[in-house]
Structures are given as structure tokens and as C-alpha cells.
């Protein structure tokens, strides 16, 4: 199965680390032009077919500026709402300011980005939108109230926007990764916790970022012409037990 994004423009939020970084790399290999958003714009320079844009979903002025800039885009073929944050706290200790930050990044951002990008896609009668959710939008774990709430909401956004946009040939899906081996995961969990988690995963390992990317690439490609409104769990069987 050959996949080629030549002539396609792909917008990826949070594309400088983890799954987002892998997606940028893979889409570029497949000849896409990639727009990558980051909160650390000073660290990055545009390269061939790769353009960095300043976007801080927790800065309302910055976000509104980006939305106004989007309105000038003539074409976006693929939107990947990948940016996400988490803070671990039990429900009786969460702080309103932490909730606001997680809400802004994990659900408010994707909703309004989908709103503006879909207008561009509607004009072309074509588009793919992929929301990166999490298994914790389907199941949960202690101290994940804020994260699970927003990731569950993202699944609702996926289904509702898929129904709104289907008549324009715009397909909307979500991907819910399980435990993915990234520098941030290793930092947060530590070696002992990772060893415990691996034993709970039927395939006995965490996912590599490229394994998540492959699914997203397919859903974004022309080979996907009929799948919409679905959530794809990719977790090595963790939620099947």
C-alpha cells in the first residue's frame, strides 16, 4: 500500500516532541508540507516543507492571533490535534487554575481549531481531522480526573464534528494511544513504574511513537475514504482485559 502526501498540507499541533515529533518526521518522508505548532518558536527554524508556527493554547491572545492567521490559509488537507497536557492529582485536590490549563489545551484548542480549519476544508470539499485522545478517555486511573474528563470530551467532539462534516467529504476520527515510550513518559513514570505497567500490557511492552504514527498516517491518507466518527484504541491490549 503506497501512501503519498505530495501536494497536501498537514497541520500538527504540539509537533516538537513525542508522538507529534514522530508525525512531523513521517509526514515529511511522505512528501507532505507540514505546519508544526510549538510554544517554543525561538528554538526552531523553518526547513524544506516544514514550517513552525507559534501557538500557545493557554494564551488566549496568542491563540486568537493564530486563529485569525488560519483564516488566511487557502488550503489545509489534514489537521491533527495532537497537543495535550496532564497533571496528576486526586479529585479532592485539583486546582481550578490547573483545570483551566488542561481544558484549554486538551479540548478548547481542538474544538476551535476544528471550527476554523473545517471552514477551509469545506471550500475544498475535502479534509481529514485526527484528534489524539488517550485510553484514559475510555478507561481511567486514579488521579486522572482532569485528564480523563478532557480526553473523553475529545471523543465526543470527534463524533459530533464527524456528523457535521461528513456531507463535505471531511472525515474526523480519534486515536487513543495507551502507554507510549517517550522521554516525557519515562520522566514521569520512572523505571520501576514502567516495569509494572509493561506487565499489565498483554504484548508486554509500551508502544513506540512510530507504531502510533502509522495508524494516524493511514487515517489521514487517501486510502481512508469511508472511516469517520470512530475512536481507535492502540494500547497493546491493555483495555481488553
C-alpha atoms as a PDB file:
ATOM      1  CA  UNK A   1       0.000   0.000   0.000  1.00  0.00           C
ATOM      2  CA  UNK A   2       1.654   3.199  -1.171  1.00  0.00           C
ATOM      3  CA  UNK A   3       0.897   6.395   0.718  1.00  0.00           C
ATOM      4  CA  UNK A   4       1.954   9.762  -0.665  1.00  0.00           C
ATOM      5  CA  UNK A   5       1.005  13.200   0.628  1.00  0.00           C
ATOM      6  CA  UNK A   6       2.550  15.141  -2.230  1.00  0.00           C
ATOM      7  CA  UNK A   7       0.650  18.393  -2.669  1.00  0.00           C
ATOM      8  CA  UNK A   8      -1.029  18.017   0.732  1.00  0.00           C
ATOM      9  CA  UNK A   9      -0.702  20.435   3.664  1.00  0.00           C
ATOM     10  CA  UNK A  10      -0.744  18.912   7.144  1.00  0.00           C
ATOM     11  CA  UNK A  11      -1.175  20.963  10.337  1.00  0.00           C
ATOM     12  CA  UNK A  12       0.064  19.278  13.515  1.00  0.00           C
ATOM     13  CA  UNK A  13      -0.255  20.884  16.944  1.00  0.00           C
ATOM     14  CA  UNK A  14       2.419  20.100  19.504  1.00  0.00           C
ATOM     15  CA  UNK A  15       4.702  18.655  16.877  1.00  0.00           C
ATOM     16  CA  UNK A  16       8.091  19.090  18.532  1.00  0.00           C
ATOM     17  CA  UNK A  17       8.053  16.163  20.967  1.00  0.00           C
ATOM     18  CA  UNK A  18       6.699  12.655  21.457  1.00  0.00           C
ATOM     19  CA  UNK A  19       4.066  11.425  19.016  1.00  0.00           C
ATOM     20  CA  UNK A  20       3.844  14.851  17.366  1.00  0.00           C
ATOM     21  CA  UNK A  21       7.556  14.873  16.552  1.00  0.00           C
ATOM     22  CA  UNK A  22       7.275  11.400  15.024  1.00  0.00           C
ATOM     23  CA  UNK A  23       4.290  12.511  12.944  1.00  0.00           C
ATOM     24  CA  UNK A  24       6.179  15.508  11.571  1.00  0.00           C
ATOM     25  CA  UNK A  25       9.056  13.231  10.574  1.00  0.00           C
ATOM     26  CA  UNK A  26       6.803  10.645   8.931  1.00  0.00           C
ATOM     27  CA  UNK A  27       4.621  13.113   7.024  1.00  0.00           C
ATOM     28  CA  UNK A  28       7.721  14.835   5.649  1.00  0.00           C
ATOM     29  CA  UNK A  29       9.051  11.476   4.450  1.00  0.00           C
ATOM     30  CA  UNK A  30       5.764  11.007   2.615  1.00  0.00           C
ATOM     31  CA  UNK A  31       6.167  14.340   0.793  1.00  0.00           C
ATOM     32  CA  UNK A  32       3.690  16.431   2.780  1.00  0.00           C
ATOM     33  CA  UNK A  33       4.126  20.091   3.559  1.00  0.00           C
ATOM     34  CA  UNK A  34       3.901  20.266   7.342  1.00  0.00           C
ATOM     35  CA  UNK A  35       2.895  23.160   9.577  1.00  0.00           C
ATOM     36  CA  UNK A  36       4.038  22.403  13.107  1.00  0.00           C
ATOM     37  CA  UNK A  37       2.925  24.437  16.111  1.00  0.00           C
ATOM     38  CA  UNK A  38       5.092  24.959  19.166  1.00  0.00           C
ATOM     39  CA  UNK A  39       5.162  27.062  22.319  1.00  0.00           C
ATOM     40  CA  UNK A  40       8.931  27.473  21.913  1.00  0.00           C
ATOM     41  CA  UNK A  41       9.090  29.115  18.497  1.00  0.00           C
ATOM     42  CA  UNK A  42      12.533  30.651  19.128  1.00  0.00           C
ATOM     43  CA  UNK A  43      14.117  27.182  19.188  1.00  0.00           C
ATOM     44  CA  UNK A  44      13.036  26.215  15.678  1.00  0.00           C
ATOM     45  CA  UNK A  45      13.656  27.401  12.132  1.00  0.00           C
ATOM     46  CA  UNK A  46      11.684  26.568   9.011  1.00  0.00           C
ATOM     47  CA  UNK A  47      13.142  23.891   6.764  1.00  0.00           C
ATOM     48  CA  UNK A  48      12.190  22.438   3.412  1.00  0.00           C
ATOM     49  CA  UNK A  49       8.448  21.660   3.548  1.00  0.00           C
ATOM     50  CA  UNK A  50       8.403  22.255   7.330  1.00  0.00           C
ATOM     51  CA  UNK A  51       7.051  25.476   8.805  1.00  0.00           C
ATOM     52  CA  UNK A  52       6.905  26.301  12.507  1.00  0.00           C
ATOM     53  CA  UNK A  53       4.128  28.439  13.949  1.00  0.00           C
ATOM     54  CA  UNK A  54       3.866  29.989  17.392  1.00  0.00           C
ATOM     55  CA  UNK A  55       0.855  28.628  19.266  1.00  0.00           C
ATOM     56  CA  UNK A  56       0.201  28.610  22.994  1.00  0.00           C
ATOM     57  CA  UNK A  57      -3.247  27.219  23.683  1.00  0.00           C
ATOM     58  CA  UNK A  58      -3.084  28.630  27.211  1.00  0.00           C
ATOM     59  CA  UNK A  59      -2.514  32.158  25.980  1.00  0.00           C
ATOM     60  CA  UNK A  60      -5.858  33.431  24.729  1.00  0.00           C
ATOM     61  CA  UNK A  61      -4.360  36.396  22.842  1.00  0.00           C
ATOM     62  CA  UNK A  62      -1.820  34.136  21.159  1.00  0.00           C
ATOM     63  CA  UNK A  63      -4.495  31.562  20.318  1.00  0.00           C
ATOM     64  CA  UNK A  64      -6.831  34.167  18.837  1.00  0.00           C
ATOM     65  CA  UNK A  65      -3.960  35.566  16.779  1.00  0.00           C
ATOM     66  CA  UNK A  66      -3.287  32.080  15.419  1.00  0.00           C
ATOM     67  CA  UNK A  67      -6.972  31.543  14.617  1.00  0.00           C
ATOM     68  CA  UNK A  68      -7.016  34.825  12.679  1.00  0.00           C
ATOM     69  CA  UNK A  69      -3.919  33.711  10.788  1.00  0.00           C
ATOM     70  CA  UNK A  70      -5.589  30.394   9.952  1.00  0.00           C
ATOM     71  CA  UNK A  71      -8.458  32.230   8.292  1.00  0.00           C
ATOM     72  CA  UNK A  72      -5.987  33.382   5.619  1.00  0.00           C
ATOM     73  CA  UNK A  73      -4.933  29.823   4.743  1.00  0.00           C
ATOM     74  CA  UNK A  74      -6.187  28.762   1.324  1.00  0.00           C
ATOM     75  CA  UNK A  75      -5.708  25.084   1.982  1.00  0.00           C
ATOM     76  CA  UNK A  76      -5.275  22.585   4.818  1.00  0.00           C
ATOM     77  CA  UNK A  77      -5.773  18.925   3.927  1.00  0.00           C
ATOM     78  CA  UNK A  78      -5.089  17.309   7.292  1.00  0.00           C
ATOM     79  CA  UNK A  79      -5.464  18.652  10.832  1.00  0.00           C
ATOM     80  CA  UNK A  80      -4.001  16.650  13.691  1.00  0.00           C
ATOM     81  CA  UNK A  81      -4.992  17.922  17.118  1.00  0.00           C
ATOM     82  CA  UNK A  82      -2.068  16.392  18.957  1.00  0.00           C
ATOM     83  CA  UNK A  83      -1.111  18.938  21.640  1.00  0.00           C
ATOM     84  CA  UNK A  84      -2.029  17.777  25.120  1.00  0.00           C
ATOM     85  CA  UNK A  85      -1.056  18.229  28.757  1.00  0.00           C
ATOM     86  CA  UNK A  86      -1.692  16.390  32.004  1.00  0.00           C
ATOM     87  CA  UNK A  87      -1.380  16.964  35.721  1.00  0.00           C
ATOM     88  CA  UNK A  88      -1.794  14.163  38.196  1.00  0.00           C
ATOM     89  CA  UNK A  89      -3.937  14.996  41.245  1.00  0.00           C
ATOM     90  CA  UNK A  90      -6.703  13.246  43.217  1.00  0.00           C
ATOM     91  CA  UNK A  91     -10.163  14.732  42.669  1.00  0.00           C
ATOM     92  CA  UNK A  92     -10.255  16.358  46.119  1.00  0.00           C
ATOM     93  CA  UNK A  93      -7.019  18.253  45.491  1.00  0.00           C
ATOM     94  CA  UNK A  94      -7.367  19.613  41.952  1.00  0.00           C
ATOM     95  CA  UNK A  95      -6.881  23.342  41.494  1.00  0.00           C
ATOM     96  CA  UNK A  96      -9.070  25.489  39.257  1.00  0.00           C
ATOM     97  CA  UNK A  97      -6.056  27.035  37.516  1.00  0.00           C
ATOM     98  CA  UNK A  98      -4.707  23.555  36.656  1.00  0.00           C
ATOM     99  CA  UNK A  99      -8.105  22.540  35.305  1.00  0.00           C
ATOM    100  CA  UNK A 100      -8.301  25.650  33.140  1.00  0.00           C
ATOM    101  CA  UNK A 101      -4.903  24.957  31.594  1.00  0.00           C
ATOM    102  CA  UNK A 102      -5.703  21.319  30.826  1.00  0.00           C
ATOM    103  CA  UNK A 103      -9.106  22.262  29.444  1.00  0.00           C
ATOM    104  CA  UNK A 104      -7.626  24.961  27.200  1.00  0.00           C
ATOM    105  CA  UNK A 105      -5.051  22.649  25.644  1.00  0.00           C
ATOM    106  CA  UNK A 106      -6.875  19.322  25.532  1.00  0.00           C
ATOM    107  CA  UNK A 107     -10.377  20.329  24.405  1.00  0.00           C
ATOM    108  CA  UNK A 108     -10.927  24.061  23.868  1.00  0.00           C
ATOM    109  CA  UNK A 109      -7.991  24.233  21.455  1.00  0.00           C
ATOM    110  CA  UNK A 110      -9.055  21.253  19.314  1.00  0.00           C
ATOM    111  CA  UNK A 111     -12.666  22.469  19.195  1.00  0.00           C
ATOM    112  CA  UNK A 112     -11.868  25.936  17.876  1.00  0.00           C
ATOM    113  CA  UNK A 113      -9.088  24.727  15.590  1.00  0.00           C
ATOM    114  CA  UNK A 114     -11.554  22.257  14.110  1.00  0.00           C
ATOM    115  CA  UNK A 115     -14.068  25.066  13.709  1.00  0.00           C
ATOM    116  CA  UNK A 116     -11.697  27.281  11.689  1.00  0.00           C
ATOM    117  CA  UNK A 117      -9.856  24.587   9.733  1.00  0.00           C
ATOM    118  CA  UNK A 118     -13.103  22.880   8.747  1.00  0.00           C
ATOM    119  CA  UNK A 119     -14.221  26.117   7.053  1.00  0.00           C
ATOM    120  CA  UNK A 120     -11.183  25.882   4.781  1.00  0.00           C
ATOM    121  CA  UNK A 121     -11.797  22.177   4.146  1.00  0.00           C
ATOM    122  CA  UNK A 122     -15.468  22.765   3.340  1.00  0.00           C
ATOM    123  CA  UNK A 123     -14.471  25.070   0.470  1.00  0.00           C
ATOM    124  CA  UNK A 124     -12.336  22.274  -0.981  1.00  0.00           C
ATOM    125  CA  UNK A 125     -14.880  19.546  -0.163  1.00  0.00           C
ATOM    126  CA  UNK A 126     -12.035  17.517   1.321  1.00  0.00           C
ATOM    127  CA  UNK A 127     -10.234  17.019   4.615  1.00  0.00           C
ATOM    128  CA  UNK A 128      -9.093  14.677   7.339  1.00  0.00           C
ATOM    129  CA  UNK A 129      -9.128  15.602  11.029  1.00  0.00           C
ATOM    130  CA  UNK A 130      -7.488  13.373  13.620  1.00  0.00           C
ATOM    131  CA  UNK A 131      -7.865  14.032  17.345  1.00  0.00           C
ATOM    132  CA  UNK A 132      -5.261  12.444  19.595  1.00  0.00           C
ATOM    133  CA  UNK A 133      -7.134  11.277  22.658  1.00  0.00           C
ATOM    134  CA  UNK A 134      -5.993   8.584  25.111  1.00  0.00           C
ATOM    135  CA  UNK A 135      -7.046   5.285  26.616  1.00  0.00           C
ATOM    136  CA  UNK A 136      -7.803   7.422  29.669  1.00  0.00           C
ATOM    137  CA  UNK A 137     -10.671   8.902  27.703  1.00  0.00           C
ATOM    138  CA  UNK A 138     -12.170   5.381  27.660  1.00  0.00           C
ATOM    139  CA  UNK A 139     -10.947   3.895  30.936  1.00  0.00           C
ATOM    140  CA  UNK A 140      -9.228   5.757  33.732  1.00  0.00           C
ATOM    141  CA  UNK A 141      -6.810   5.594  36.612  1.00  0.00           C
ATOM    142  CA  UNK A 142      -6.525   7.237  39.998  1.00  0.00           C
ATOM    143  CA  UNK A 143      -5.521  10.905  39.952  1.00  0.00           C
ATOM    144  CA  UNK A 144      -6.533  11.325  36.296  1.00  0.00           C
ATOM    145  CA  UNK A 145      -9.838  13.210  36.721  1.00  0.00           C
ATOM    146  CA  UNK A 146      -8.855  16.305  34.762  1.00  0.00           C
ATOM    147  CA  UNK A 147      -7.078  14.405  32.012  1.00  0.00           C
ATOM    148  CA  UNK A 148      -9.768  11.751  31.599  1.00  0.00           C
ATOM    149  CA  UNK A 149     -12.507  14.380  31.516  1.00  0.00           C
ATOM    150  CA  UNK A 150     -10.893  16.298  28.658  1.00  0.00           C
ATOM    151  CA  UNK A 151      -9.891  13.200  26.712  1.00  0.00           C
ATOM    152  CA  UNK A 152     -13.438  11.829  26.989  1.00  0.00           C
ATOM    153  CA  UNK A 153     -14.718  15.181  25.755  1.00  0.00           C
ATOM    154  CA  UNK A 154     -12.394  14.899  22.775  1.00  0.00           C
ATOM    155  CA  UNK A 155     -14.119  11.653  21.797  1.00  0.00           C
ATOM    156  CA  UNK A 156     -17.440  13.479  21.899  1.00  0.00           C
ATOM    157  CA  UNK A 157     -16.030  16.250  19.725  1.00  0.00           C
ATOM    158  CA  UNK A 158     -14.809  13.632  17.255  1.00  0.00           C
ATOM    159  CA  UNK A 159     -18.219  12.023  16.854  1.00  0.00           C
ATOM    160  CA  UNK A 160     -20.237  15.230  16.695  1.00  0.00           C
ATOM    161  CA  UNK A 161     -17.927  17.039  14.257  1.00  0.00           C
ATOM    162  CA  UNK A 162     -17.746  13.905  12.093  1.00  0.00           C
ATOM    163  CA  UNK A 163     -21.523  14.074  11.698  1.00  0.00           C
ATOM    164  CA  UNK A 164     -21.448  17.804  10.946  1.00  0.00           C
ATOM    165  CA  UNK A 165     -18.724  17.487   8.319  1.00  0.00           C
ATOM    166  CA  UNK A 166     -19.441  14.159   6.592  1.00  0.00           C
ATOM    167  CA  UNK A 167     -21.510  15.783   3.835  1.00  0.00           C
ATOM    168  CA  UNK A 168     -18.468  17.858   2.851  1.00  0.00           C
ATOM    169  CA  UNK A 169     -16.219  14.792   2.424  1.00  0.00           C
ATOM    170  CA  UNK A 170     -14.354  15.648   5.636  1.00  0.00           C
ATOM    171  CA  UNK A 171     -13.578  12.612   7.784  1.00  0.00           C
ATOM    172  CA  UNK A 172     -12.989  13.015  11.514  1.00  0.00           C
ATOM    173  CA  UNK A 173     -11.543  10.299  13.737  1.00  0.00           C
ATOM    174  CA  UNK A 174      -9.693   9.967  17.008  1.00  0.00           C
ATOM    175  CA  UNK A 175      -6.750   7.818  18.034  1.00  0.00           C
ATOM    176  CA  UNK A 176      -6.368   6.795  21.663  1.00  0.00           C
ATOM    177  CA  UNK A 177      -2.875   5.580  22.469  1.00  0.00           C
ATOM    178  CA  UNK A 178      -2.050   3.594  25.570  1.00  0.00           C
ATOM    179  CA  UNK A 179       1.365   3.814  27.190  1.00  0.00           C
ATOM    180  CA  UNK A 180       3.866   5.207  24.682  1.00  0.00           C
ATOM    181  CA  UNK A 181       7.619   5.157  25.182  1.00  0.00           C
ATOM    182  CA  UNK A 182       8.593   8.829  25.065  1.00  0.00           C
ATOM    183  CA  UNK A 183      11.110  10.867  27.079  1.00  0.00           C
ATOM    184  CA  UNK A 184       8.214  12.504  28.949  1.00  0.00           C
ATOM    185  CA  UNK A 185       6.660   9.130  29.840  1.00  0.00           C
ATOM    186  CA  UNK A 186       9.994   7.847  31.136  1.00  0.00           C
ATOM    187  CA  UNK A 187      10.477  11.018  33.165  1.00  0.00           C
ATOM    188  CA  UNK A 188       7.005  10.985  34.729  1.00  0.00           C
ATOM    189  CA  UNK A 189       6.740   7.264  35.470  1.00  0.00           C
ATOM    190  CA  UNK A 190      10.308   6.222  36.260  1.00  0.00           C
ATOM    191  CA  UNK A 191      11.871   2.801  35.663  1.00  0.00           C
ATOM    192  CA  UNK A 192      10.042   0.909  38.411  1.00  0.00           C
ATOM    193  CA  UNK A 193       6.583   2.113  37.361  1.00  0.00           C
ATOM    194  CA  UNK A 194       7.343   1.357  33.709  1.00  0.00           C
ATOM    195  CA  UNK A 195       8.311  -2.218  34.617  1.00  0.00           C
ATOM    196  CA  UNK A 196       4.992  -2.636  36.454  1.00  0.00           C
ATOM    197  CA  UNK A 197       2.999  -1.186  33.557  1.00  0.00           C
ATOM    198  CA  UNK A 198       4.661  -3.456  30.987  1.00  0.00           C
ATOM    199  CA  UNK A 199       3.474  -6.480  32.967  1.00  0.00           C
ATOM    200  CA  UNK A 200      -0.104  -5.191  32.695  1.00  0.00           C
ATOM    201  CA  UNK A 201       0.079  -4.821  28.901  1.00  0.00           C
ATOM    202  CA  UNK A 202      -0.685  -8.103  27.078  1.00  0.00           C
ATOM    203  CA  UNK A 203       2.048  -7.551  24.469  1.00  0.00           C
ATOM    204  CA  UNK A 204       4.453  -6.828  27.376  1.00  0.00           C
ATOM    205  CA  UNK A 205       5.820  -3.542  26.061  1.00  0.00           C
ATOM    206  CA  UNK A 206       4.963   0.105  25.630  1.00  0.00           C
ATOM    207  CA  UNK A 207       4.246   1.434  22.158  1.00  0.00           C
ATOM    208  CA  UNK A 208       6.859   3.132  20.041  1.00  0.00           C
ATOM    209  CA  UNK A 209       5.888   6.510  18.623  1.00  0.00           C
ATOM    210  CA  UNK A 210       6.200   5.148  15.078  1.00  0.00           C
ATOM    211  CA  UNK A 211       3.588   2.489  15.861  1.00  0.00           C
ATOM    212  CA  UNK A 212       1.092   5.198  16.769  1.00  0.00           C
ATOM    213  CA  UNK A 213       2.106   7.301  13.784  1.00  0.00           C
ATOM    214  CA  UNK A 214       1.402   4.520  11.276  1.00  0.00           C
ATOM    215  CA  UNK A 215      -2.272   4.400  12.245  1.00  0.00           C
ATOM    216  CA  UNK A 216      -2.627   8.178  12.102  1.00  0.00           C
ATOM    217  CA  UNK A 217      -0.906   8.272   8.708  1.00  0.00           C
ATOM    218  CA  UNK A 218      -3.394   5.751   7.318  1.00  0.00           C
ATOM    219  CA  UNK A 219      -6.432   7.603   8.659  1.00  0.00           C
ATOM    220  CA  UNK A 220      -5.056  10.830   7.158  1.00  0.00           C
ATOM    221  CA  UNK A 221      -4.336   9.300   3.757  1.00  0.00           C
ATOM    222  CA  UNK A 222      -6.429   8.865   0.625  1.00  0.00           C
ATOM    223  CA  UNK A 223      -6.704   5.158   1.492  1.00  0.00           C
ATOM    224  CA  UNK A 224      -9.193   6.195   4.155  1.00  0.00           C
ATOM    225  CA  UNK A 225     -12.274   7.224   2.209  1.00  0.00           C
ATOM    226  CA  UNK A 226     -15.059   5.887   4.440  1.00  0.00           C
ATOM    227  CA  UNK A 227     -13.989   5.777   8.098  1.00  0.00           C
ATOM    228  CA  UNK A 228     -15.323   8.656  10.178  1.00  0.00           C
ATOM    229  CA  UNK A 229     -16.597   9.300  13.692  1.00  0.00           C
ATOM    230  CA  UNK A 230     -14.537   6.438  15.130  1.00  0.00           C
ATOM    231  CA  UNK A 231     -12.091   6.109  18.003  1.00  0.00           C
ATOM    232  CA  UNK A 232      -9.137   3.794  17.504  1.00  0.00           C
ATOM    233  CA  UNK A 233      -7.559   2.410  20.668  1.00  0.00           C
ATOM    234  CA  UNK A 234      -3.944   1.391  20.180  1.00  0.00           C
ATOM    235  CA  UNK A 235      -2.714   0.054  23.506  1.00  0.00           C
ATOM    236  CA  UNK A 236      -1.260  -3.439  23.089  1.00  0.00           C
ATOM    237  CA  UNK A 237      -4.449  -4.952  24.506  1.00  0.00           C
ATOM    238  CA  UNK A 238      -4.367  -3.022  27.805  1.00  0.00           C
ATOM    239  CA  UNK A 239      -8.070  -2.087  27.761  1.00  0.00           C
ATOM    240  CA  UNK A 240      -9.183  -5.530  26.533  1.00  0.00           C
ATOM    241  CA  UNK A 241      -8.654  -7.238  29.888  1.00  0.00           C
END
